[in-house]
Amino acid sequence: MPFVEVFTREKLSDEIRAKLAEELSNAMMTVEIGGPTESAKMIDWMWFHTMPADSWAVGGRFDDTYVKGRKMALARIIAPQGLMNAELKSRAVKEVTRVLKSVLGIGREDDDTGIFTMCIEIDNGSGQMARRFFRSFN
């Protein structure tokens, strides 16, 4: 399973974090293996970070000049090299973005330019323990 980190500029309530965790988990398992399973949930990890405004600059400023009321979130999907082909990466980015926007309450008419999702790969050998788990799902 890829690892997901979510960074937000504002503190999320426990309810929102729990909903994000569950929906992101289900989305990633659906993309990766076709749907959630109990064994996949054992290695489906996520971290949630709150970055204070004085640590998150927008437009070169730490105030809200360029935030303009937008929800700000960054999701980083981290996977061992070769685990996900281009199609899976694209689907994962789209699904994680969709979940973030939905759970954070960003509608179709809202400015969603504060939401950014990326998928990065770590070099082979950087996730040995995880790769043993991944093989067990194939």
N, C-alpha and C. Protein backbone atom coordinates (compact mmCIF):
# COMPACT_ATOMS: atom_id res chain seq x y z
N MET A 1 0.83 -1.19 0.00
CA MET A 1 0.00 0.00 0.00
C MET A 1 0.87 1.24 0.00
N PRO A 2 0.54 2.21 -0.81
CA PRO A 2 1.21 3.49 -0.71
C PRO A 2 0.88 4.16 0.63
N PHE A 3 1.77 5.00 1.06
CA PHE A 3 1.63 5.76 2.31
C PHE A 3 1.12 7.15 1.94
N VAL A 4 0.17 7.70 2.70
CA VAL A 4 -0.38 9.01 2.39
C VAL A 4 -0.13 9.96 3.56
N GLU A 5 0.40 11.14 3.23
CA GLU A 5 0.55 12.22 4.21
C GLU A 5 -0.35 13.36 3.78
N VAL A 6 -1.05 13.95 4.74
CA VAL A 6 -1.91 15.09 4.45
C VAL A 6 -1.46 16.25 5.33
N PHE A 7 -1.20 17.37 4.68
CA PHE A 7 -0.82 18.60 5.37
C PHE A 7 -1.94 19.62 5.16
N THR A 8 -2.36 20.26 6.24
CA THR A 8 -3.36 21.32 6.12
C THR A 8 -2.84 22.58 6.82
N ARG A 9 -3.34 23.71 6.40
CA ARG A 9 -2.92 24.99 6.96
C ARG A 9 -3.75 25.33 8.20
N GLU A 10 -4.87 24.70 8.36
CA GLU A 10 -5.69 24.93 9.55
C GLU A 10 -5.94 23.61 10.25
N LYS A 11 -6.12 23.67 11.55
CA LYS A 11 -6.36 22.46 12.33
C LYS A 11 -7.72 21.88 11.96
N LEU A 12 -7.73 20.59 11.72
CA LEU A 12 -8.97 19.89 11.39
C LEU A 12 -9.57 19.30 12.65
N SER A 13 -10.89 19.27 12.71
CA SER A 13 -11.56 18.65 13.85
C SER A 13 -11.28 17.15 13.82
N ASP A 14 -11.45 16.52 14.98
CA ASP A 14 -11.27 15.07 15.04
C ASP A 14 -12.24 14.36 14.10
N GLU A 15 -13.44 14.88 13.98
CA GLU A 15 -14.45 14.29 13.09
C GLU A 15 -14.01 14.36 11.62
N ILE A 16 -13.49 15.50 11.20
CA ILE A 16 -13.03 15.66 9.81
C ILE A 16 -11.82 14.76 9.56
N ARG A 17 -10.87 14.72 10.50
CA ARG A 17 -9.69 13.87 10.33
C ARG A 17 -10.09 12.40 10.22
N ALA A 18 -11.03 11.97 11.06
CA ALA A 18 -11.49 10.57 11.02
C ALA A 18 -12.16 10.26 9.68
N LYS A 19 -12.98 11.20 9.20
CA LYS A 19 -13.65 10.98 7.91
C LYS A 19 -12.63 10.95 6.78
N LEU A 20 -11.65 11.86 6.82
CA LEU A 20 -10.59 11.85 5.80
C LEU A 20 -9.82 10.54 5.83
N ALA A 21 -9.46 10.09 7.03
CA ALA A 21 -8.69 8.85 7.16
C ALA A 21 -9.45 7.67 6.55
N GLU A 22 -10.72 7.55 6.89
CA GLU A 22 -11.51 6.43 6.38
C GLU A 22 -11.71 6.52 4.86
N GLU A 23 -12.08 7.69 4.37
CA GLU A 23 -12.36 7.81 2.94
C GLU A 23 -11.09 7.73 2.10
N LEU A 24 -9.99 8.31 2.58
CA LEU A 24 -8.73 8.20 1.85
C LEU A 24 -8.24 6.75 1.84
N SER A 25 -8.39 6.07 2.96
CA SER A 25 -8.00 4.67 3.05
C SER A 25 -8.79 3.83 2.05
N ASN A 26 -10.10 3.99 2.05
CA ASN A 26 -10.93 3.24 1.11
C ASN A 26 -10.59 3.56 -0.33
N ALA A 27 -10.35 4.83 -0.61
CA ALA A 27 -10.01 5.23 -1.98
C ALA A 27 -8.69 4.61 -2.43
N MET A 28 -7.67 4.66 -1.58
CA MET A 28 -6.37 4.11 -1.95
C MET A 28 -6.44 2.59 -2.13
N MET A 29 -7.16 1.91 -1.25
CA MET A 29 -7.28 0.45 -1.39
C MET A 29 -8.08 0.08 -2.64
N THR A 30 -9.06 0.89 -2.99
CA THR A 30 -9.83 0.63 -4.20
C THR A 30 -8.95 0.81 -5.44
N VAL A 31 -8.16 1.86 -5.45
CA VAL A 31 -7.25 2.08 -6.59
C VAL A 31 -6.22 0.97 -6.68
N GLU A 32 -5.63 0.63 -5.55
CA GLU A 32 -4.49 -0.30 -5.54
C GLU A 32 -4.91 -1.76 -5.72
N ILE A 33 -5.94 -2.20 -4.97
CA ILE A 33 -6.27 -3.64 -5.00
C ILE A 33 -7.74 -3.93 -5.27
N GLY A 34 -8.50 -2.92 -5.67
CA GLY A 34 -9.90 -3.15 -6.03
C GLY A 34 -10.90 -2.92 -4.93
N GLY A 35 -10.46 -2.70 -3.71
CA GLY A 35 -11.37 -2.42 -2.60
C GLY A 35 -10.72 -2.75 -1.27
N PRO A 36 -11.30 -2.23 -0.18
CA PRO A 36 -10.73 -2.46 1.15
C PRO A 36 -10.81 -3.92 1.57
N THR A 37 -9.75 -4.39 2.22
CA THR A 37 -9.75 -5.71 2.85
C THR A 37 -9.14 -5.56 4.23
N GLU A 38 -9.46 -6.48 5.11
CA GLU A 38 -8.92 -6.42 6.47
C GLU A 38 -7.39 -6.51 6.48
N SER A 39 -6.83 -7.38 5.63
CA SER A 39 -5.37 -7.52 5.62
C SER A 39 -4.70 -6.27 5.06
N ALA A 40 -5.31 -5.63 4.07
CA ALA A 40 -4.73 -4.39 3.52
C ALA A 40 -4.81 -3.26 4.54
N LYS A 41 -5.86 -3.24 5.33
CA LYS A 41 -5.99 -2.18 6.35
C LYS A 41 -4.86 -2.22 7.36
N MET A 42 -4.26 -3.39 7.56
CA MET A 42 -3.17 -3.51 8.52
C MET A 42 -1.92 -2.75 8.08
N ILE A 43 -1.77 -2.50 6.79
CA ILE A 43 -0.59 -1.78 6.31
C ILE A 43 -0.97 -0.49 5.58
N ASP A 44 -2.17 -0.02 5.80
CA ASP A 44 -2.64 1.23 5.20
C ASP A 44 -2.42 2.35 6.22
N TRP A 45 -1.33 3.06 6.05
CA TRP A 45 -0.94 4.09 7.02
C TRP A 45 -1.12 5.48 6.43
N MET A 46 -1.46 6.43 7.30
CA MET A 46 -1.57 7.83 6.91
C MET A 46 -1.09 8.69 8.06
N TRP A 47 -0.54 9.82 7.70
CA TRP A 47 -0.18 10.83 8.69
C TRP A 47 -0.93 12.11 8.34
N PHE A 48 -1.37 12.80 9.37
CA PHE A 48 -2.03 14.10 9.21
C PHE A 48 -1.21 15.14 9.96
N HIS A 49 -0.85 16.19 9.25
CA HIS A 49 -0.04 17.27 9.83
C HIS A 49 -0.79 18.59 9.71
N THR A 50 -0.75 19.38 10.76
CA THR A 50 -1.25 20.75 10.68
C THR A 50 -0.03 21.66 10.61
N MET A 51 0.05 22.42 9.55
CA MET A 51 1.15 23.39 9.39
C MET A 51 0.60 24.75 9.80
N PRO A 52 1.14 25.34 10.83
CA PRO A 52 0.65 26.67 11.21
C PRO A 52 0.89 27.68 10.09
N ALA A 53 0.05 28.70 10.04
CA ALA A 53 0.13 29.70 8.97
C ALA A 53 1.53 30.30 8.88
N ASP A 54 2.23 30.42 10.00
CA ASP A 54 3.58 31.01 9.94
C ASP A 54 4.63 30.03 9.42
N SER A 55 4.18 28.84 9.02
CA SER A 55 5.09 27.86 8.39
C SER A 55 4.64 27.51 6.97
N TRP A 56 3.58 28.12 6.49
CA TRP A 56 3.03 27.82 5.16
C TRP A 56 2.87 29.13 4.41
N ALA A 57 3.82 29.44 3.56
CA ALA A 57 3.78 30.68 2.79
C ALA A 57 3.00 30.48 1.49
N VAL A 58 2.18 31.45 1.15
CA VAL A 58 1.44 31.46 -0.12
C VAL A 58 1.76 32.79 -0.78
N GLY A 59 2.29 32.73 -2.00
CA GLY A 59 2.66 33.96 -2.69
C GLY A 59 3.79 34.69 -2.00
N GLY A 60 4.63 33.94 -1.30
CA GLY A 60 5.77 34.53 -0.61
C GLY A 60 5.41 35.21 0.70
N ARG A 61 4.20 34.99 1.18
CA ARG A 61 3.74 35.64 2.41
C ARG A 61 3.16 34.60 3.37
N PHE A 62 3.31 34.87 4.65
CA PHE A 62 2.77 33.96 5.67
C PHE A 62 1.40 34.39 6.17
N ASP A 63 0.92 35.53 5.73
CA ASP A 63 -0.43 35.96 6.13
C ASP A 63 -1.44 35.43 5.12
N ASP A 64 -2.67 35.92 5.19
CA ASP A 64 -3.74 35.41 4.32
C ASP A 64 -3.92 36.22 3.03
N THR A 65 -2.97 37.08 2.70
CA THR A 65 -3.09 37.93 1.52
C THR A 65 -3.46 37.13 0.28
N TYR A 66 -2.78 36.01 0.04
CA TYR A 66 -3.04 35.22 -1.17
C TYR A 66 -3.82 33.94 -0.90
N VAL A 67 -4.13 33.67 0.35
CA VAL A 67 -4.97 32.51 0.67
C VAL A 67 -6.40 32.81 0.26
N LYS A 68 -6.85 34.01 0.57
CA LYS A 68 -8.17 34.51 0.16
C LYS A 68 -9.31 33.55 0.51
N GLY A 69 -9.29 33.01 1.72
CA GLY A 69 -10.37 32.17 2.19
C GLY A 69 -10.38 30.74 1.67
N ARG A 70 -9.39 30.38 0.86
CA ARG A 70 -9.36 29.01 0.32
C ARG A 70 -8.96 28.02 1.40
N LYS A 71 -9.46 26.80 1.28
CA LYS A 71 -8.95 25.68 2.08
C LYS A 71 -7.60 25.30 1.49
N MET A 72 -6.61 25.10 2.34
CA MET A 72 -5.27 24.78 1.88
C MET A 72 -4.91 23.38 2.37
N ALA A 73 -4.59 22.48 1.44
CA ALA A 73 -4.20 21.12 1.80
C ALA A 73 -3.25 20.56 0.75
N LEU A 74 -2.30 19.80 1.22
CA LEU A 74 -1.36 19.09 0.35
C LEU A 74 -1.41 17.62 0.74
N ALA A 75 -1.61 16.76 -0.23
CA ALA A 75 -1.56 15.32 0.02
C ALA A 75 -0.39 14.76 -0.77
N ARG A 76 0.42 13.97 -0.09
CA ARG A 76 1.57 13.33 -0.72
C ARG A 76 1.39 11.82 -0.62
N ILE A 77 1.26 11.18 -1.77
CA ILE A 77 1.15 9.73 -1.85
C ILE A 77 2.56 9.21 -2.09
N ILE A 78 3.04 8.34 -1.23
CA ILE A 78 4.41 7.84 -1.33
C ILE A 78 4.35 6.33 -1.56
N ALA A 79 4.99 5.88 -2.64
CA ALA A 79 4.95 4.46 -2.98
C ALA A 79 6.35 3.99 -3.37
N PRO A 80 6.67 2.74 -3.07
CA PRO A 80 7.94 2.19 -3.55
C PRO A 80 7.98 2.22 -5.08
N GLN A 81 9.15 2.47 -5.61
CA GLN A 81 9.34 2.55 -7.05
C GLN A 81 8.80 1.29 -7.74
N GLY A 82 8.00 1.50 -8.78
CA GLY A 82 7.47 0.39 -9.57
C GLY A 82 6.19 -0.23 -9.02
N LEU A 83 5.76 0.17 -7.82
CA LEU A 83 4.54 -0.41 -7.26
C LEU A 83 3.31 0.01 -8.06
N MET A 84 3.30 1.26 -8.51
CA MET A 84 2.14 1.78 -9.22
C MET A 84 2.54 2.21 -10.62
N ASN A 85 1.81 1.74 -11.63
CA ASN A 85 2.08 2.20 -12.99
C ASN A 85 1.46 3.60 -13.17
N ALA A 86 1.65 4.19 -14.32
CA ALA A 86 1.19 5.56 -14.57
C ALA A 86 -0.33 5.69 -14.39
N GLU A 87 -1.07 4.70 -14.82
CA GLU A 87 -2.53 4.75 -14.68
C GLU A 87 -2.94 4.72 -13.21
N LEU A 88 -2.33 3.85 -12.42
CA LEU A 88 -2.66 3.79 -11.00
C LEU A 88 -2.29 5.09 -10.28
N LYS A 89 -1.13 5.65 -10.60
CA LYS A 89 -0.74 6.93 -10.00
C LYS A 89 -1.75 8.01 -10.31
N SER A 90 -2.15 8.08 -11.58
CA SER A 90 -3.13 9.09 -12.00
C SER A 90 -4.45 8.91 -11.27
N ARG A 91 -4.93 7.67 -11.18
CA ARG A 91 -6.18 7.39 -10.46
C ARG A 91 -6.06 7.73 -8.99
N ALA A 92 -4.91 7.40 -8.39
CA ALA A 92 -4.70 7.69 -6.96
C ALA A 92 -4.73 9.19 -6.72
N VAL A 93 -4.05 9.96 -7.55
CA VAL A 93 -4.03 11.42 -7.39
C VAL A 93 -5.44 11.98 -7.54
N LYS A 94 -6.18 11.53 -8.53
CA LYS A 94 -7.55 12.02 -8.74
C LYS A 94 -8.45 11.66 -7.57
N GLU A 95 -8.35 10.43 -7.08
CA GLU A 95 -9.20 10.00 -5.97
C GLU A 95 -8.87 10.72 -4.67
N VAL A 96 -7.59 10.87 -4.37
CA VAL A 96 -7.20 11.58 -3.15
C VAL A 96 -7.65 13.04 -3.22
N THR A 97 -7.50 13.66 -4.37
CA THR A 97 -7.96 15.04 -4.54
C THR A 97 -9.46 15.14 -4.36
N ARG A 98 -10.18 14.19 -4.96
CA ARG A 98 -11.65 14.17 -4.84
C ARG A 98 -12.07 14.06 -3.38
N VAL A 99 -11.44 13.14 -2.64
CA VAL A 99 -11.79 12.94 -1.23
C VAL A 99 -11.47 14.20 -0.42
N LEU A 100 -10.30 14.78 -0.62
CA LEU A 100 -9.94 16.00 0.10
C LEU A 100 -10.98 17.09 -0.12
N LYS A 101 -11.33 17.33 -1.36
CA LYS A 101 -12.30 18.38 -1.67
C LYS A 101 -13.66 18.08 -1.06
N SER A 102 -14.09 16.84 -1.14
CA SER A 102 -15.39 16.46 -0.60
C SER A 102 -15.43 16.63 0.92
N VAL A 103 -14.47 16.04 1.61
CA VAL A 103 -14.49 16.06 3.08
C VAL A 103 -14.23 17.46 3.62
N LEU A 104 -13.41 18.24 2.93
CA LEU A 104 -13.14 19.61 3.40
C LEU A 104 -14.24 20.60 2.99
N GLY A 105 -15.25 20.11 2.28
CA GLY A 105 -16.40 20.94 1.95
C GLY A 105 -16.18 21.89 0.79
N ILE A 106 -15.34 21.51 -0.15
CA ILE A 106 -15.08 22.34 -1.32
C ILE A 106 -15.97 21.86 -2.45
N GLY A 107 -16.94 22.67 -2.80
CA GLY A 107 -17.90 22.30 -3.85
C GLY A 107 -17.41 22.64 -5.23
N ARG A 108 -18.20 22.26 -6.23
CA ARG A 108 -17.83 22.48 -7.64
C ARG A 108 -17.63 23.96 -7.96
N GLU A 109 -18.40 24.83 -7.31
CA GLU A 109 -18.32 26.26 -7.61
C GLU A 109 -17.27 26.97 -6.76
N ASP A 110 -16.68 26.28 -5.78
CA ASP A 110 -15.69 26.88 -4.89
C ASP A 110 -14.31 26.89 -5.53
N ASP A 111 -13.46 27.78 -5.04
CA ASP A 111 -12.08 27.85 -5.50
C ASP A 111 -11.32 26.67 -4.87
N ASP A 112 -10.89 25.73 -5.71
CA ASP A 112 -10.19 24.54 -5.21
C ASP A 112 -8.68 24.60 -5.46
N THR A 113 -8.16 25.79 -5.76
CA THR A 113 -6.74 25.91 -6.10
C THR A 113 -5.82 25.81 -4.89
N GLY A 114 -6.39 25.65 -3.70
CA GLY A 114 -5.58 25.44 -2.50
C GLY A 114 -5.35 23.96 -2.20
N ILE A 115 -5.86 23.08 -3.05
CA ILE A 115 -5.72 21.64 -2.87
C ILE A 115 -4.69 21.13 -3.87
N PHE A 116 -3.68 20.45 -3.37
CA PHE A 116 -2.61 19.92 -4.24
C PHE A 116 -2.31 18.50 -3.81
N THR A 117 -2.29 17.60 -4.77
CA THR A 117 -1.97 16.19 -4.51
C THR A 117 -0.83 15.77 -5.43
N MET A 118 0.13 15.05 -4.86
CA MET A 118 1.24 14.54 -5.66
C MET A 118 1.50 13.08 -5.30
N CYS A 119 2.06 12.37 -6.24
CA CYS A 119 2.45 10.98 -6.02
C CYS A 119 3.94 10.88 -6.29
N ILE A 120 4.69 10.43 -5.30
CA ILE A 120 6.12 10.27 -5.48
C ILE A 120 6.52 8.83 -5.20
N GLU A 121 7.59 8.42 -5.82
CA GLU A 121 8.12 7.07 -5.61
C GLU A 121 9.44 7.15 -4.86
N ILE A 122 9.64 6.20 -3.96
CA ILE A 122 10.93 6.09 -3.29
C ILE A 122 11.73 5.01 -4.00
N ASP A 123 13.03 5.16 -4.00
CA ASP A 123 13.90 4.21 -4.67
C ASP A 123 13.74 2.81 -4.11
N ASN A 124 13.92 1.83 -4.96
CA ASN A 124 13.93 0.43 -4.50
C ASN A 124 14.96 0.29 -3.39
N GLY A 125 14.64 -0.50 -2.40
CA GLY A 125 15.54 -0.70 -1.28
C GLY A 125 15.25 0.23 -0.12
N SER A 126 14.42 1.27 -0.36
CA SER A 126 14.09 2.21 0.70
C SER A 126 12.88 1.77 1.50
N GLY A 127 12.24 0.70 1.11
CA GLY A 127 11.04 0.23 1.81
C GLY A 127 11.01 -1.28 1.90
N GLN A 128 12.09 -1.88 2.30
CA GLN A 128 12.20 -3.35 2.30
C GLN A 128 11.09 -4.03 3.08
N MET A 129 10.82 -3.60 4.28
CA MET A 129 9.79 -4.25 5.07
C MET A 129 8.44 -4.14 4.36
N ALA A 130 8.14 -2.95 3.84
CA ALA A 130 6.87 -2.74 3.16
C ALA A 130 6.77 -3.61 1.91
N ARG A 131 7.85 -3.77 1.18
CA ARG A 131 7.79 -4.57 -0.04
C ARG A 131 7.42 -6.01 0.29
N ARG A 132 7.89 -6.54 1.42
CA ARG A 132 7.51 -7.91 1.80
C ARG A 132 6.00 -7.98 2.00
N PHE A 133 5.41 -6.94 2.61
CA PHE A 133 3.96 -6.93 2.79
C PHE A 133 3.26 -6.84 1.45
N PHE A 134 3.77 -5.99 0.54
CA PHE A 134 3.12 -5.81 -0.74
C PHE A 134 3.05 -7.12 -1.50
N ARG A 135 4.10 -7.90 -1.43
CA ARG A 135 4.11 -9.18 -2.16
C ARG A 135 3.03 -10.12 -1.65
N SER A 136 2.67 -10.00 -0.38
CA SER A 136 1.68 -10.90 0.17
C SER A 136 0.28 -10.64 -0.39
N PHE A 137 0.07 -9.47 -1.01
CA PHE A 137 -1.24 -9.16 -1.57
C PHE A 137 -1.35 -9.53 -3.04
N ASN A 138 -0.25 -9.89 -3.67
CA ASN A 138 -0.27 -10.22 -5.10
C ASN A 138 -0.72 -11.64 -5.33
